[in-house]
């Protein structure tokens, strides 16, 4: 099985305790549906900074800042993409970037 990094973009924050619970339940159900394929469920992340090739730092998160990550196992890219299509972030306007993670 190959490893795939999911990088989440967008999605926003819950505005109430009820929305937070609904969101957490959706994420829990999605991770539960993947079972042992979830290597690291990951976490949300804060605004990123980018170190440029000239050494300067941009603190704006770039054009499409990451909002979280996970690491999962899948037989191939098609399976990893199929699993990503059920991600709860998609229902709130976010996206999932999928990339194979190689062991070194």
C-alpha atoms as a PDB file:
ATOM      1  CA  UNK A   1       0.000   0.000   0.000  1.00  0.00           C
ATOM      2  CA  UNK A   2       1.183   3.495  -0.806  1.00  0.00           C
ATOM      3  CA  UNK A   3       0.927   6.494   1.513  1.00  0.00           C
ATOM      4  CA  UNK A   4      -0.902   9.644   0.472  1.00  0.00           C
ATOM      5  CA  UNK A   5      -0.810  13.094   1.998  1.00  0.00           C
ATOM      6  CA  UNK A   6      -4.081  14.978   2.067  1.00  0.00           C
ATOM      7  CA  UNK A   7      -3.657  18.730   2.391  1.00  0.00           C
ATOM      8  CA  UNK A   8      -6.908  20.512   3.130  1.00  0.00           C
ATOM      9  CA  UNK A   9      -7.568  24.016   1.854  1.00  0.00           C
ATOM     10  CA  UNK A  10     -10.325  26.372   2.957  1.00  0.00           C
ATOM     11  CA  UNK A  11     -13.436  25.226   4.729  1.00  0.00           C
ATOM     12  CA  UNK A  12     -13.750  27.903   7.420  1.00  0.00           C
ATOM     13  CA  UNK A  13     -14.370  27.529  11.136  1.00  0.00           C
ATOM     14  CA  UNK A  14     -17.555  26.506  12.919  1.00  0.00           C
ATOM     15  CA  UNK A  15     -19.504  29.488  14.247  1.00  0.00           C
ATOM     16  CA  UNK A  16     -21.343  27.685  17.059  1.00  0.00           C
ATOM     17  CA  UNK A  17     -20.946  24.697  19.347  1.00  0.00           C
ATOM     18  CA  UNK A  18     -23.626  22.881  17.336  1.00  0.00           C
ATOM     19  CA  UNK A  19     -21.752  23.493  14.059  1.00  0.00           C
ATOM     20  CA  UNK A  20     -18.508  22.351  15.681  1.00  0.00           C
ATOM     21  CA  UNK A  21     -20.123  19.121  16.891  1.00  0.00           C
ATOM     22  CA  UNK A  22     -21.668  18.486  13.459  1.00  0.00           C
ATOM     23  CA  UNK A  23     -18.296  19.056  11.798  1.00  0.00           C
ATOM     24  CA  UNK A  24     -16.409  16.835  14.249  1.00  0.00           C
ATOM     25  CA  UNK A  25     -19.020  14.088  13.840  1.00  0.00           C
ATOM     26  CA  UNK A  26     -18.681  14.275  10.045  1.00  0.00           C
ATOM     27  CA  UNK A  27     -14.890  14.062  10.209  1.00  0.00           C
ATOM     28  CA  UNK A  28     -15.074  11.193  12.703  1.00  0.00           C
ATOM     29  CA  UNK A  29     -17.473   9.282  10.468  1.00  0.00           C
ATOM     30  CA  UNK A  30     -15.274   9.856   7.407  1.00  0.00           C
ATOM     31  CA  UNK A  31     -12.113   8.706   9.188  1.00  0.00           C
ATOM     32  CA  UNK A  32     -14.067   5.758  10.605  1.00  0.00           C
ATOM     33  CA  UNK A  33     -15.181   4.752   7.107  1.00  0.00           C
ATOM     34  CA  UNK A  34     -11.511   4.466   6.059  1.00  0.00           C
ATOM     35  CA  UNK A  35     -10.556   2.330   9.070  1.00  0.00           C
ATOM     36  CA  UNK A  36      -6.910   1.229   9.188  1.00  0.00           C
ATOM     37  CA  UNK A  37      -6.129   3.214   6.023  1.00  0.00           C
ATOM     38  CA  UNK A  38      -5.828   6.310   8.244  1.00  0.00           C
ATOM     39  CA  UNK A  39      -2.165   6.454   9.264  1.00  0.00           C
ATOM     40  CA  UNK A  40      -2.385   9.918  10.836  1.00  0.00           C
ATOM     41  CA  UNK A  41      -5.697  11.751  11.013  1.00  0.00           C
ATOM     42  CA  UNK A  42      -3.719  14.976  11.164  1.00  0.00           C
ATOM     43  CA  UNK A  43      -4.883  18.305  12.498  1.00  0.00           C
ATOM     44  CA  UNK A  44      -6.020  21.722  11.415  1.00  0.00           C
ATOM     45  CA  UNK A  45      -3.152  24.169  10.897  1.00  0.00           C
ATOM     46  CA  UNK A  46      -2.761  27.908  11.386  1.00  0.00           C
ATOM     47  CA  UNK A  47      -1.741  30.466   8.807  1.00  0.00           C
ATOM     48  CA  UNK A  48       1.499  29.469   7.121  1.00  0.00           C
ATOM     49  CA  UNK A  49       4.652  31.396   6.348  1.00  0.00           C
ATOM     50  CA  UNK A  50       6.702  30.723   3.212  1.00  0.00           C
ATOM     51  CA  UNK A  51      10.477  31.028   2.986  1.00  0.00           C
ATOM     52  CA  UNK A  52      11.320  32.213  -0.539  1.00  0.00           C
ATOM     53  CA  UNK A  53      14.430  31.168  -2.511  1.00  0.00           C
ATOM     54  CA  UNK A  54      16.031  34.551  -1.724  1.00  0.00           C
ATOM     55  CA  UNK A  55      15.556  33.973   2.019  1.00  0.00           C
ATOM     56  CA  UNK A  56      12.699  36.425   2.415  1.00  0.00           C
ATOM     57  CA  UNK A  57       9.586  35.311   4.294  1.00  0.00           C
ATOM     58  CA  UNK A  58       5.961  35.794   3.264  1.00  0.00           C
ATOM     59  CA  UNK A  59       3.490  35.487   6.151  1.00  0.00           C
ATOM     60  CA  UNK A  60       0.240  35.465   4.169  1.00  0.00           C
ATOM     61  CA  UNK A  61      -0.266  31.744   3.578  1.00  0.00           C
ATOM     62  CA  UNK A  62       0.023  32.127  -0.189  1.00  0.00           C
ATOM     63  CA  UNK A  63      -2.723  31.959  -2.795  1.00  0.00           C
ATOM     64  CA  UNK A  64      -4.400  28.840  -1.364  1.00  0.00           C
ATOM     65  CA  UNK A  65      -3.270  28.345   2.250  1.00  0.00           C
ATOM     66  CA  UNK A  66      -3.425  24.923   3.848  1.00  0.00           C
ATOM     67  CA  UNK A  67      -6.009  24.488   6.601  1.00  0.00           C
ATOM     68  CA  UNK A  68      -5.039  20.951   7.706  1.00  0.00           C
ATOM     69  CA  UNK A  69      -3.553  17.607   6.731  1.00  0.00           C
ATOM     70  CA  UNK A  70      -3.904  13.818   7.040  1.00  0.00           C
ATOM     71  CA  UNK A  71      -1.853  10.816   5.951  1.00  0.00           C
ATOM     72  CA  UNK A  72      -3.650   7.752   4.606  1.00  0.00           C
ATOM     73  CA  UNK A  73      -2.860   4.470   2.852  1.00  0.00           C
ATOM     74  CA  UNK A  74      -4.363   3.455  -0.475  1.00  0.00           C
ATOM     75  CA  UNK A  75      -3.607   0.904  -3.170  1.00  0.00           C
ATOM     76  CA  UNK A  76      -3.047   3.651  -5.744  1.00  0.00           C
ATOM     77  CA  UNK A  77      -3.819   7.271  -6.591  1.00  0.00           C
ATOM     78  CA  UNK A  78      -7.294   6.418  -7.881  1.00  0.00           C
ATOM     79  CA  UNK A  79      -8.230   4.870  -4.522  1.00  0.00           C
ATOM     80  CA  UNK A  80      -6.728   7.826  -2.629  1.00  0.00           C
ATOM     81  CA  UNK A  81      -8.752  10.247  -4.781  1.00  0.00           C
ATOM     82  CA  UNK A  82     -11.940   8.221  -4.293  1.00  0.00           C
ATOM     83  CA  UNK A  83     -11.471   8.376  -0.510  1.00  0.00           C
ATOM     84  CA  UNK A  84     -10.783  12.123  -0.675  1.00  0.00           C
ATOM     85  CA  UNK A  85     -14.048  12.710  -2.561  1.00  0.00           C
ATOM     86  CA  UNK A  86     -15.961  11.850   0.640  1.00  0.00           C
ATOM     87  CA  UNK A  87     -14.047  14.374   2.778  1.00  0.00           C
ATOM     88  CA  UNK A  88     -16.317  16.648   4.858  1.00  0.00           C
ATOM     89  CA  UNK A  89     -14.341  19.764   3.904  1.00  0.00           C
ATOM     90  CA  UNK A  90     -15.799  19.546   0.404  1.00  0.00           C
ATOM     91  CA  UNK A  91     -19.301  20.183   1.753  1.00  0.00           C
ATOM     92  CA  UNK A  92     -18.214  23.552   3.175  1.00  0.00           C
ATOM     93  CA  UNK A  93     -16.427  24.863   0.082  1.00  0.00           C
ATOM     94  CA  UNK A  94     -12.949  23.506   0.823  1.00  0.00           C
ATOM     95  CA  UNK A  95     -10.719  21.260  -1.253  1.00  0.00           C
ATOM     96  CA  UNK A  96      -8.357  18.319  -0.758  1.00  0.00           C
ATOM     97  CA  UNK A  97      -4.931  18.227  -2.384  1.00  0.00           C
ATOM     98  CA  UNK A  98      -3.680  14.623  -2.751  1.00  0.00           C
ATOM     99  CA  UNK A  99      -0.026  13.654  -3.188  1.00  0.00           C
ATOM    100  CA  UNK A 100       1.800  10.349  -2.808  1.00  0.00           C
ATOM    101  CA  UNK A 101       4.275  10.371   0.085  1.00  0.00           C
ATOM    102  CA  UNK A 102       7.430   8.379  -0.636  1.00  0.00           C
ATOM    103  CA  UNK A 103       9.479   6.550   1.974  1.00  0.00           C
ATOM    104  CA  UNK A 104      13.138   7.569   1.950  1.00  0.00           C
END
